[in-house]
PDB file of N, CA and C in Angstrom:
ATOM      1  N   UNK A   1     154.925 -33.406  76.167  1.00  0.00           N
ATOM      2  CA  UNK A   1     155.230 -33.726  74.792  1.00  0.00           C
ATOM      3  C   UNK A   1     156.729 -33.908  74.660  1.00  0.00           C
ATOM      4  N   UNK A   2     157.166 -35.047  74.288  1.00  0.00           N
ATOM      5  CA  UNK A   2     158.579 -35.324  74.133  1.00  0.00           C
ATOM      6  C   UNK A   2     159.032 -34.905  72.751  1.00  0.00           C
ATOM      7  N   UNK A   3     158.442 -35.456  71.746  1.00  0.00           N
ATOM      8  CA  UNK A   3     158.731 -35.089  70.366  1.00  0.00           C
ATOM      9  C   UNK A   3     157.634 -35.661  69.489  1.00  0.00           C
ATOM     10  N   UNK A   4     157.623 -35.250  68.237  1.00  0.00           N
ATOM     11  CA  UNK A   4     156.630 -35.784  67.319  1.00  0.00           C
ATOM     12  C   UNK A   4     156.820 -37.286  67.137  1.00  0.00           C
ATOM     13  N   UNK A   5     158.082 -37.722  67.207  1.00  0.00           N
ATOM     14  CA  UNK A   5     158.384 -39.127  66.999  1.00  0.00           C
ATOM     15  C   UNK A   5     157.824 -39.998  68.112  1.00  0.00           C
ATOM     16  N   UNK A   6     158.024 -39.597  69.359  1.00  0.00           N
ATOM     17  CA  UNK A   6     157.590 -40.452  70.456  1.00  0.00           C
ATOM     18  C   UNK A   6     156.143 -40.176  70.859  1.00  0.00           C
ATOM     19  N   UNK A   7     155.683 -38.941  70.694  1.00  0.00           N
ATOM     20  CA  UNK A   7     154.308 -38.605  70.989  1.00  0.00           C
ATOM     21  C   UNK A   7     153.913 -38.748  72.451  1.00  0.00           C
ATOM     22  N   UNK A   8     154.836 -38.566  73.365  1.00  0.00           N
ATOM     23  CA  UNK A   8     154.530 -38.710  74.784  1.00  0.00           C
ATOM     24  C   UNK A   8     153.570 -37.613  75.240  1.00  0.00           C
ATOM     25  N   UNK A   9     152.575 -38.025  76.020  1.00  0.00           N
ATOM     26  CA  UNK A   9     151.642 -37.096  76.658  1.00  0.00           C
ATOM     27  C   UNK A   9     151.787 -37.300  78.161  1.00  0.00           C
ATOM     28  N   UNK A  10     151.992 -36.214  78.889  1.00  0.00           N
ATOM     29  CA  UNK A  10     152.171 -36.299  80.335  1.00  0.00           C
ATOM     30  C   UNK A  10     150.946 -36.939  80.980  1.00  0.00           C
ATOM     31  N   UNK A  11     151.179 -37.986  81.771  1.00  0.00           N
ATOM     32  CA  UNK A  11     150.094 -38.715  82.417  1.00  0.00           C
ATOM     33  C   UNK A  11     149.870 -38.292  83.864  1.00  0.00           C
ATOM     34  N   UNK A  12     150.868 -37.689  84.485  1.00  0.00           N
ATOM     35  CA  UNK A  12     150.799 -37.285  85.888  1.00  0.00           C
ATOM     36  C   UNK A  12     149.826 -36.109  86.026  1.00  0.00           C
ATOM     37  N   UNK A  13     148.641 -36.390  86.533  1.00  0.00           N
ATOM     38  CA  UNK A  13     147.592 -35.368  86.632  1.00  0.00           C
ATOM     39  C   UNK A  13     148.005 -34.206  87.536  1.00  0.00           C
ATOM     40  N   UNK A  14     148.698 -34.517  88.613  1.00  0.00           N
ATOM     41  CA  UNK A  14     149.132 -33.455  89.533  1.00  0.00           C
ATOM     42  C   UNK A  14     150.111 -32.507  88.833  1.00  0.00           C
ATOM     43  N   UNK A  15     151.128 -33.074  88.188  1.00  0.00           N
ATOM     44  CA  UNK A  15     152.110 -32.239  87.494  1.00  0.00           C
ATOM     45  C   UNK A  15     151.465 -31.462  86.348  1.00  0.00           C
ATOM     46  N   UNK A  16     150.541 -32.094  85.657  1.00  0.00           N
ATOM     47  CA  UNK A  16     149.831 -31.409  84.578  1.00  0.00           C
ATOM     48  C   UNK A  16     149.066 -30.197  85.109  1.00  0.00           C
ATOM     49  N   UNK A  17     148.430 -30.351  86.255  1.00  0.00           N
ATOM     50  CA  UNK A  17     147.698 -29.244  86.877  1.00  0.00           C
ATOM     51  C   UNK A  17     148.655 -28.145  87.318  1.00  0.00           C
ATOM     52  N   UNK A  18     149.776 -28.526  87.915  1.00  0.00           N
ATOM     53  CA  UNK A  18     150.776 -27.544  88.360  1.00  0.00           C
ATOM     54  C   UNK A  18     151.277 -26.737  87.161  1.00  0.00           C
ATOM     55  N   UNK A  19     151.598 -27.411  86.082  1.00  0.00           N
ATOM     56  CA  UNK A  19     152.109 -26.741  84.883  1.00  0.00           C
ATOM     57  C   UNK A  19     151.043 -25.833  84.282  1.00  0.00           C
ATOM     58  N   UNK A  20     149.828 -26.340  84.160  1.00  0.00           N
ATOM     59  CA  UNK A  20     148.728 -25.553  83.595  1.00  0.00           C
ATOM     60  C   UNK A  20     148.463 -24.305  84.423  1.00  0.00           C
ATOM     61  N   UNK A  21     148.445 -24.442  85.733  1.00  0.00           N
ATOM     62  CA  UNK A  21     148.212 -23.276  86.600  1.00  0.00           C
ATOM     63  C   UNK A  21     149.319 -22.237  86.449  1.00  0.00           C
ATOM     64  N   UNK A  22     150.551 -22.682  86.356  1.00  0.00           N
ATOM     65  CA  UNK A  22     151.674 -21.759  86.175  1.00  0.00           C
ATOM     66  C   UNK A  22     151.517 -21.011  84.850  1.00  0.00           C
ATOM     67  N   UNK A  23     151.122 -21.718  83.799  1.00  0.00           N
ATOM     68  CA  UNK A  23     150.934 -21.077  82.502  1.00  0.00           C
ATOM     69  C   UNK A  23     149.757 -20.098  82.507  1.00  0.00           C
ATOM     70  N   UNK A  24     148.710 -20.431  83.234  1.00  0.00           N
ATOM     71  CA  UNK A  24     147.571 -19.510  83.347  1.00  0.00           C
ATOM     72  C   UNK A  24     147.986 -18.222  84.055  1.00  0.00           C
ATOM     73  N   UNK A  25     148.807 -18.347  85.108  1.00  0.00           N
ATOM     74  CA  UNK A  25     149.307 -17.150  85.799  1.00  0.00           C
ATOM     75  C   UNK A  25     150.176 -16.320  84.858  1.00  0.00           C
ATOM     76  N   UNK A  26     151.021 -16.979  84.099  1.00  0.00           N
ATOM     77  CA  UNK A  26     151.878 -16.268  83.143  1.00  0.00           C
ATOM     78  C   UNK A  26     151.034 -15.562  82.092  1.00  0.00           C
ATOM     79  N   UNK A  27     149.970 -16.210  81.668  1.00  0.00           N
ATOM     80  CA  UNK A  27     149.054 -15.609  80.694  1.00  0.00           C
ATOM     81  C   UNK A  27     148.450 -14.321  81.260  1.00  0.00           C
ATOM     82  N   UNK A  28     148.029 -14.362  82.508  1.00  0.00           N
ATOM     83  CA  UNK A  28     147.482 -13.179  83.162  1.00  0.00           C
ATOM     84  C   UNK A  28     148.522 -12.085  83.312  1.00  0.00           C
ATOM     85  N   UNK A  29     149.746 -12.479  83.659  1.00  0.00           N
ATOM     86  CA  UNK A  29     150.834 -11.501  83.785  1.00  0.00           C
ATOM     87  C   UNK A  29     151.142 -10.852  82.444  1.00  0.00           C
ATOM     88  N   UNK A  30     151.085 -11.624  81.383  1.00  0.00           N
ATOM     89  CA  UNK A  30     151.366 -11.085  80.060  1.00  0.00           C
ATOM     90  C   UNK A  30     150.320 -10.042  79.668  1.00  0.00           C
ATOM     91  N   UNK A  31     149.054 -10.312  80.000  1.00  0.00           N
ATOM     92  CA  UNK A  31     147.996  -9.327  79.750  1.00  0.00           C
ATOM     93  C   UNK A  31     148.251  -8.039  80.517  1.00  0.00           C
ATOM     94  N   UNK A  32     148.744  -8.179  81.748  1.00  0.00           N
ATOM     95  CA  UNK A  32     149.056  -6.999  82.557  1.00  0.00           C
ATOM     96  C   UNK A  32     150.198  -6.206  81.935  1.00  0.00           C
ATOM     97  N   UNK A  33     151.154  -6.888  81.351  1.00  0.00           N
ATOM     98  CA  UNK A  33     152.272  -6.206  80.699  1.00  0.00           C
ATOM     99  C   UNK A  33     151.784  -5.403  79.497  1.00  0.00           C
ATOM    100  N   UNK A  34     150.886  -5.980  78.729  1.00  0.00           N
ATOM    101  CA  UNK A  34     150.319  -5.260  77.581  1.00  0.00           C
ATOM    102  C   UNK A  34     149.622  -3.989  78.065  1.00  0.00           C
ATOM    103  N   UNK A  35     148.851  -4.108  79.134  1.00  0.00           N
ATOM    104  CA  UNK A  35     148.170  -2.924  79.685  1.00  0.00           C
ATOM    105  C   UNK A  35     149.181  -1.885  80.166  1.00  0.00           C
ATOM    106  N   UNK A  36     150.251  -2.353  80.801  1.00  0.00           N
ATOM    107  CA  UNK A  36     151.289  -1.434  81.270  1.00  0.00           C
ATOM    108  C   UNK A  36     151.898  -0.667  80.093  1.00  0.00           C
ATOM    109  N   UNK A  37     152.151  -1.357  78.999  1.00  0.00           N
ATOM    110  CA  UNK A  37     152.686  -0.698  77.802  1.00  0.00           C
ATOM    111  C   UNK A  37     151.695   0.337  77.275  1.00  0.00           C
ATOM    112  N   UNK A  38     150.437  -0.065  77.197  1.00  0.00           N
ATOM    113  CA  UNK A  38     149.404   0.853  76.687  1.00  0.00           C
ATOM    114  C   UNK A  38     149.232   2.075  77.577  1.00  0.00           C
ATOM    115  N   UNK A  39     149.458   1.900  78.874  1.00  0.00           N
ATOM    116  CA  UNK A  39     149.319   3.000  79.830  1.00  0.00           C
ATOM    117  C   UNK A  39     150.580   3.853  79.925  1.00  0.00           C
ATOM    118  N   UNK A  40     151.640   3.434  79.253  1.00  0.00           N
ATOM    119  CA  UNK A  40     152.871   4.205  79.273  1.00  0.00           C
ATOM    120  C   UNK A  40     153.648   4.106  80.575  1.00  0.00           C
ATOM    121  N   UNK A  41     153.586   2.942  81.215  1.00  0.00           N
ATOM    122  CA  UNK A  41     154.307   2.737  82.477  1.00  0.00           C
ATOM    123  C   UNK A  41     155.810   2.727  82.231  1.00  0.00           C
ATOM    124  N   UNK A  42     156.577   2.875  83.320  1.00  0.00           N
ATOM    125  CA  UNK A  42     158.030   2.971  83.170  1.00  0.00           C
ATOM    126  C   UNK A  42     158.646   1.633  82.789  1.00  0.00           C
ATOM    127  N   UNK A  43     159.769   1.723  82.105  1.00  0.00           N
ATOM    128  CA  UNK A  43     160.445   0.546  81.558  1.00  0.00           C
ATOM    129  C   UNK A  43     160.847  -0.462  82.631  1.00  0.00           C
ATOM    130  N   UNK A  44     161.319   0.022  83.759  1.00  0.00           N
ATOM    131  CA  UNK A  44     161.786  -0.886  84.809  1.00  0.00           C
ATOM    132  C   UNK A  44     160.658  -1.791  85.300  1.00  0.00           C
ATOM    133  N   UNK A  45     159.490  -1.229  85.516  1.00  0.00           N
ATOM    134  CA  UNK A  45     158.347  -2.013  85.980  1.00  0.00           C
ATOM    135  C   UNK A  45     157.916  -3.034  84.923  1.00  0.00           C
ATOM    136  N   UNK A  46     157.944  -2.604  83.679  1.00  0.00           N
ATOM    137  CA  UNK A  46     157.529  -3.500  82.587  1.00  0.00           C
ATOM    138  C   UNK A  46     158.520  -4.650  82.434  1.00  0.00           C
ATOM    139  N   UNK A  47     159.802  -4.331  82.428  1.00  0.00           N
ATOM    140  CA  UNK A  47     160.814  -5.380  82.263  1.00  0.00           C
ATOM    141  C   UNK A  47     160.796  -6.333  83.446  1.00  0.00           C
ATOM    142  N   UNK A  48     160.545  -5.831  84.638  1.00  0.00           N
ATOM    143  CA  UNK A  48     160.449  -6.701  85.814  1.00  0.00           C
ATOM    144  C   UNK A  48     159.324  -7.715  85.620  1.00  0.00           C
ATOM    145  N   UNK A  49     158.199  -7.263  85.115  1.00  0.00           N
ATOM    146  CA  UNK A  49     157.077  -8.175  84.865  1.00  0.00           C
ATOM    147  C   UNK A  49     157.384  -9.137  83.720  1.00  0.00           C
ATOM    148  N   UNK A  50     158.077  -8.652  82.700  1.00  0.00           N
ATOM    149  CA  UNK A  50     158.475  -9.533  81.591  1.00  0.00           C
ATOM    150  C   UNK A  50     159.390 -10.648  82.095  1.00  0.00           C
ATOM    151  N   UNK A  51     160.312 -10.306  82.975  1.00  0.00           N
ATOM    152  CA  UNK A  51     161.217 -11.311  83.538  1.00  0.00           C
ATOM    153  C   UNK A  51     160.434 -12.358  84.331  1.00  0.00           C
ATOM    154  N   UNK A  52     159.411 -11.911  85.058  1.00  0.00           N
ATOM    155  CA  UNK A  52     158.593 -12.844  85.835  1.00  0.00           C
ATOM    156  C   UNK A  52     157.838 -13.802  84.916  1.00  0.00           C
ATOM    157  N   UNK A  53     157.304 -13.287  83.808  1.00  0.00           N
ATOM    158  CA  UNK A  53     156.589 -14.142  82.854  1.00  0.00           C
ATOM    159  C   UNK A  53     157.555 -15.138  82.221  1.00  0.00           C
ATOM    160  N   UNK A  54     158.721 -14.659  81.847  1.00  0.00           N
ATOM    161  CA  UNK A  54     159.715 -15.533  81.237  1.00  0.00           C
ATOM    162  C   UNK A  54     160.109 -16.664  82.192  1.00  0.00           C
ATOM    163  N   UNK A  55     160.330 -16.333  83.441  1.00  0.00           N
ATOM    164  CA  UNK A  55     160.700 -17.343  84.443  1.00  0.00           C
ATOM    165  C   UNK A  55     159.565 -18.352  84.635  1.00  0.00           C
ATOM    166  N   UNK A  56     158.334 -17.865  84.683  1.00  0.00           N
ATOM    167  CA  UNK A  56     157.190 -18.764  84.866  1.00  0.00           C
ATOM    168  C   UNK A  56     157.059 -19.736  83.696  1.00  0.00           C
ATOM    169  N   UNK A  57     157.234 -19.246  82.491  1.00  0.00           N
ATOM    170  CA  UNK A  57     157.124 -20.100  81.308  1.00  0.00           C
ATOM    171  C   UNK A  57     158.266 -21.118  81.284  1.00  0.00           C
ATOM    172  N   UNK A  58     159.482 -20.660  81.555  1.00  0.00           N
ATOM    173  CA  UNK A  58     160.619 -21.586  81.571  1.00  0.00           C
ATOM    174  C   UNK A  58     160.471 -22.640  82.659  1.00  0.00           C
ATOM    175  N   UNK A  59     159.997 -22.241  83.823  1.00  0.00           N
ATOM    176  CA  UNK A  59     159.791 -23.207  84.904  1.00  0.00           C
ATOM    177  C   UNK A  59     158.743 -24.244  84.494  1.00  0.00           C
ATOM    178  N   UNK A  60     157.683 -23.806  83.843  1.00  0.00           N
ATOM    179  CA  UNK A  60     156.662 -24.742  83.357  1.00  0.00           C
ATOM    180  C   UNK A  60     157.264 -25.713  82.350  1.00  0.00           C
ATOM    181  N   UNK A  61     158.089 -25.211  81.453  1.00  0.00           N
ATOM    182  CA  UNK A  61     158.716 -26.074  80.443  1.00  0.00           C
ATOM    183  C   UNK A  61     159.664 -27.079  81.080  1.00  0.00           C
ATOM    184  N   UNK A  62     160.495 -26.615  82.008  1.00  0.00           N
ATOM    185  CA  UNK A  62     161.418 -27.531  82.680  1.00  0.00           C
ATOM    186  C   UNK A  62     160.658 -28.585  83.488  1.00  0.00           C
ATOM    187  N   UNK A  63     159.575 -28.190  84.119  1.00  0.00           N
ATOM    188  CA  UNK A  63     158.762 -29.136  84.880  1.00  0.00           C
ATOM    189  C   UNK A  63     158.144 -30.178  83.954  1.00  0.00           C
ATOM    190  N   UNK A  64     157.668 -29.740  82.802  1.00  0.00           N
ATOM    191  CA  UNK A  64     157.096 -30.666  81.823  1.00  0.00           C
ATOM    192  C   UNK A  64     158.157 -31.657  81.338  1.00  0.00           C
ATOM    193  N   UNK A  65     159.338 -31.148  81.027  1.00  0.00           N
ATOM    194  CA  UNK A  65     160.410 -32.027  80.554  1.00  0.00           C
ATOM    195  C   UNK A  65     160.800 -33.035  81.631  1.00  0.00           C
ATOM    196  N   UNK A  66     161.013 -32.570  82.852  1.00  0.00           N
ATOM    197  CA  UNK A  66     161.447 -33.494  83.909  1.00  0.00           C
ATOM    198  C   UNK A  66     160.365 -34.511  84.244  1.00  0.00           C
ATOM    199  N   UNK A  67     159.111 -34.086  84.252  1.00  0.00           N
ATOM    200  CA  UNK A  67     158.018 -35.028  84.527  1.00  0.00           C
ATOM    201  C   UNK A  67     157.893 -36.059  83.418  1.00  0.00           C
ATOM    202  N   UNK A  68     158.050 -35.615  82.183  1.00  0.00           N
ATOM    203  CA  UNK A  68     157.987 -36.534  81.043  1.00  0.00           C
ATOM    204  C   UNK A  68     159.141 -37.516  81.085  1.00  0.00           C
ATOM    205  N   UNK A  69     160.318 -37.016  81.416  1.00  0.00           N
ATOM    206  CA  UNK A  69     161.486 -37.891  81.497  1.00  0.00           C
ATOM    207  C   UNK A  69     161.267 -38.984  82.539  1.00  0.00           C
ATOM    208  N   UNK A  70     160.765 -38.588  83.697  1.00  0.00           N
ATOM    209  CA  UNK A  70     160.507 -39.560  84.761  1.00  0.00           C
ATOM    210  C   UNK A  70     159.523 -40.629  84.288  1.00  0.00           C
ATOM    211  N   UNK A  71     158.440 -40.197  83.658  1.00  0.00           N
ATOM    212  CA  UNK A  71     157.447 -41.169  83.180  1.00  0.00           C
ATOM    213  C   UNK A  71     158.033 -42.104  82.130  1.00  0.00           C
ATOM    214  N   UNK A  72     158.743 -41.533  81.173  1.00  0.00           N
ATOM    215  CA  UNK A  72     159.263 -42.347  80.071  1.00  0.00           C
ATOM    216  C   UNK A  72     160.330 -43.330  80.518  1.00  0.00           C
ATOM    217  N   UNK A  73     161.152 -42.906  81.456  1.00  0.00           N
ATOM    218  CA  UNK A  73     162.229 -43.789  81.888  1.00  0.00           C
ATOM    219  C   UNK A  73     161.748 -44.900  82.804  1.00  0.00           C
ATOM    220  N   UNK A  74     160.568 -44.751  83.375  1.00  0.00           N
ATOM    221  CA  UNK A  74     160.017 -45.816  84.215  1.00  0.00           C
ATOM    222  C   UNK A  74     159.067 -46.726  83.440  1.00  0.00           C
ATOM    223  N   UNK A  75     158.822 -46.395  82.176  1.00  0.00           N
ATOM    224  CA  UNK A  75     157.953 -47.210  81.329  1.00  0.00           C
ATOM    225  C   UNK A  75     158.824 -48.202  80.562  1.00  0.00           C
ATOM    226  N   UNK A  76     158.688 -49.491  80.855  1.00  0.00           N
ATOM    227  CA  UNK A  76     159.562 -50.481  80.214  1.00  0.00           C
ATOM    228  C   UNK A  76     159.356 -50.597  78.700  1.00  0.00           C
ATOM    229  N   UNK A  77     158.256 -50.108  78.177  1.00  0.00           N
ATOM    230  CA  UNK A  77     158.007 -50.218  76.746  1.00  0.00           C
ATOM    231  C   UNK A  77     158.635 -49.079  75.943  1.00  0.00           C
ATOM    232  N   UNK A  78     159.299 -48.136  76.637  1.00  0.00           N
ATOM    233  CA  UNK A  78     159.873 -46.970  75.985  1.00  0.00           C
ATOM    234  C   UNK A  78     161.383 -47.139  75.845  1.00  0.00           C
ATOM    235  N   UNK A  79     161.913 -46.740  74.705  1.00  0.00           N
ATOM    236  CA  UNK A  79     163.368 -46.747  74.493  1.00  0.00           C
ATOM    237  C   UNK A  79     163.957 -45.564  75.251  1.00  0.00           C
ATOM    238  N   UNK A  80     164.558 -45.834  76.400  1.00  0.00           N
ATOM    239  CA  UNK A  80     165.066 -44.790  77.291  1.00  0.00           C
ATOM    240  C   UNK A  80     166.094 -43.900  76.609  1.00  0.00           C
ATOM    241  N   UNK A  81     166.945 -44.467  75.760  1.00  0.00           N
ATOM    242  CA  UNK A  81     167.965 -43.666  75.075  1.00  0.00           C
ATOM    243  C   UNK A  81     167.325 -42.683  74.107  1.00  0.00           C
ATOM    244  N   UNK A  82     166.324 -43.134  73.379  1.00  0.00           N
ATOM    245  CA  UNK A  82     165.623 -42.275  72.426  1.00  0.00           C
ATOM    246  C   UNK A  82     164.909 -41.135  73.154  1.00  0.00           C
ATOM    247  N   UNK A  83     164.212 -41.471  74.225  1.00  0.00           N
ATOM    248  CA  UNK A  83     163.484 -40.463  75.003  1.00  0.00           C
ATOM    249  C   UNK A  83     164.451 -39.474  75.626  1.00  0.00           C
ATOM    250  N   UNK A  84     165.524 -39.966  76.184  1.00  0.00           N
ATOM    251  CA  UNK A  84     166.524 -39.107  76.810  1.00  0.00           C
ATOM    252  C   UNK A  84     167.100 -38.121  75.797  1.00  0.00           C
ATOM    253  N   UNK A  85     167.413 -38.589  74.604  1.00  0.00           N
ATOM    254  CA  UNK A  85     167.959 -37.720  73.557  1.00  0.00           C
ATOM    255  C   UNK A  85     166.938 -36.656  73.141  1.00  0.00           C
ATOM    256  N   UNK A  86     165.687 -37.062  72.993  1.00  0.00           N
ATOM    257  CA  UNK A  86     164.637 -36.112  72.608  1.00  0.00           C
ATOM    258  C   UNK A  86     164.425 -35.044  73.676  1.00  0.00           C
ATOM    259  N   UNK A  87     164.387 -35.479  74.931  1.00  0.00           N
ATOM    260  CA  UNK A  87     164.175 -34.531  76.019  1.00  0.00           C
ATOM    261  C   UNK A  87     165.381 -33.622  76.211  1.00  0.00           C
ATOM    262  N   UNK A  88     166.570 -34.138  75.941  1.00  0.00           N
ATOM    263  CA  UNK A  88     167.763 -33.298  76.040  1.00  0.00           C
ATOM    264  C   UNK A  88     167.686 -32.172  75.002  1.00  0.00           C
ATOM    265  N   UNK A  89     167.237 -32.476  73.799  1.00  0.00           N
ATOM    266  CA  UNK A  89     167.075 -31.454  72.758  1.00  0.00           C
ATOM    267  C   UNK A  89     166.066 -30.396  73.216  1.00  0.00           C
ATOM    268  N   UNK A  90     164.964 -30.842  73.802  1.00  0.00           N
ATOM    269  CA  UNK A  90     163.968 -29.890  74.300  1.00  0.00           C
ATOM    270  C   UNK A  90     164.569 -29.017  75.406  1.00  0.00           C
ATOM    271  N   UNK A  91     165.274 -29.646  76.308  1.00  0.00           N
ATOM    272  CA  UNK A  91     165.906 -28.924  77.422  1.00  0.00           C
ATOM    273  C   UNK A  91     166.866 -27.862  76.881  1.00  0.00           C
ATOM    274  N   UNK A  92     167.693 -28.242  75.936  1.00  0.00           N
ATOM    275  CA  UNK A  92     168.660 -27.300  75.373  1.00  0.00           C
ATOM    276  C   UNK A  92     168.000 -26.187  74.570  1.00  0.00           C
ATOM    277  N   UNK A  93     166.831 -26.445  74.030  1.00  0.00           N
ATOM    278  CA  UNK A  93     166.120 -25.385  73.295  1.00  0.00           C
ATOM    279  C   UNK A  93     165.678 -24.254  74.214  1.00  0.00           C
ATOM    280  N   UNK A  94     165.617 -24.520  75.516  1.00  0.00           N
ATOM    281  CA  UNK A  94     165.232 -23.499  76.488  1.00  0.00           C
ATOM    282  C   UNK A  94     166.432 -22.698  76.985  1.00  0.00           C
ATOM    283  N   UNK A  95     167.633 -23.192  76.740  1.00  0.00           N
ATOM    284  CA  UNK A  95     168.845 -22.537  77.247  1.00  0.00           C
ATOM    285  C   UNK A  95     169.187 -21.291  76.453  1.00  0.00           C
TER     286      UNK A  95
END
């Protein structure tokens, strides 16, 4: 997804699968973190898992942005400047 204006949907099936799988793993890790909190586990272990989930989500987002950028910039019907600006905003929202 680039932006509401452009409405880009990732077409690369391989990248879509890679991103989806990463998000599913992060989802499972997040459930484990909730259980750790409920069980009263130590803070260091919980924060370590939180950092792993955060990294997985950010990596998925960066992969989505870069894959979308590649697709949009190789599509002659797309305004490359508009897409680049939209994706840059998305990229910076993760910083």
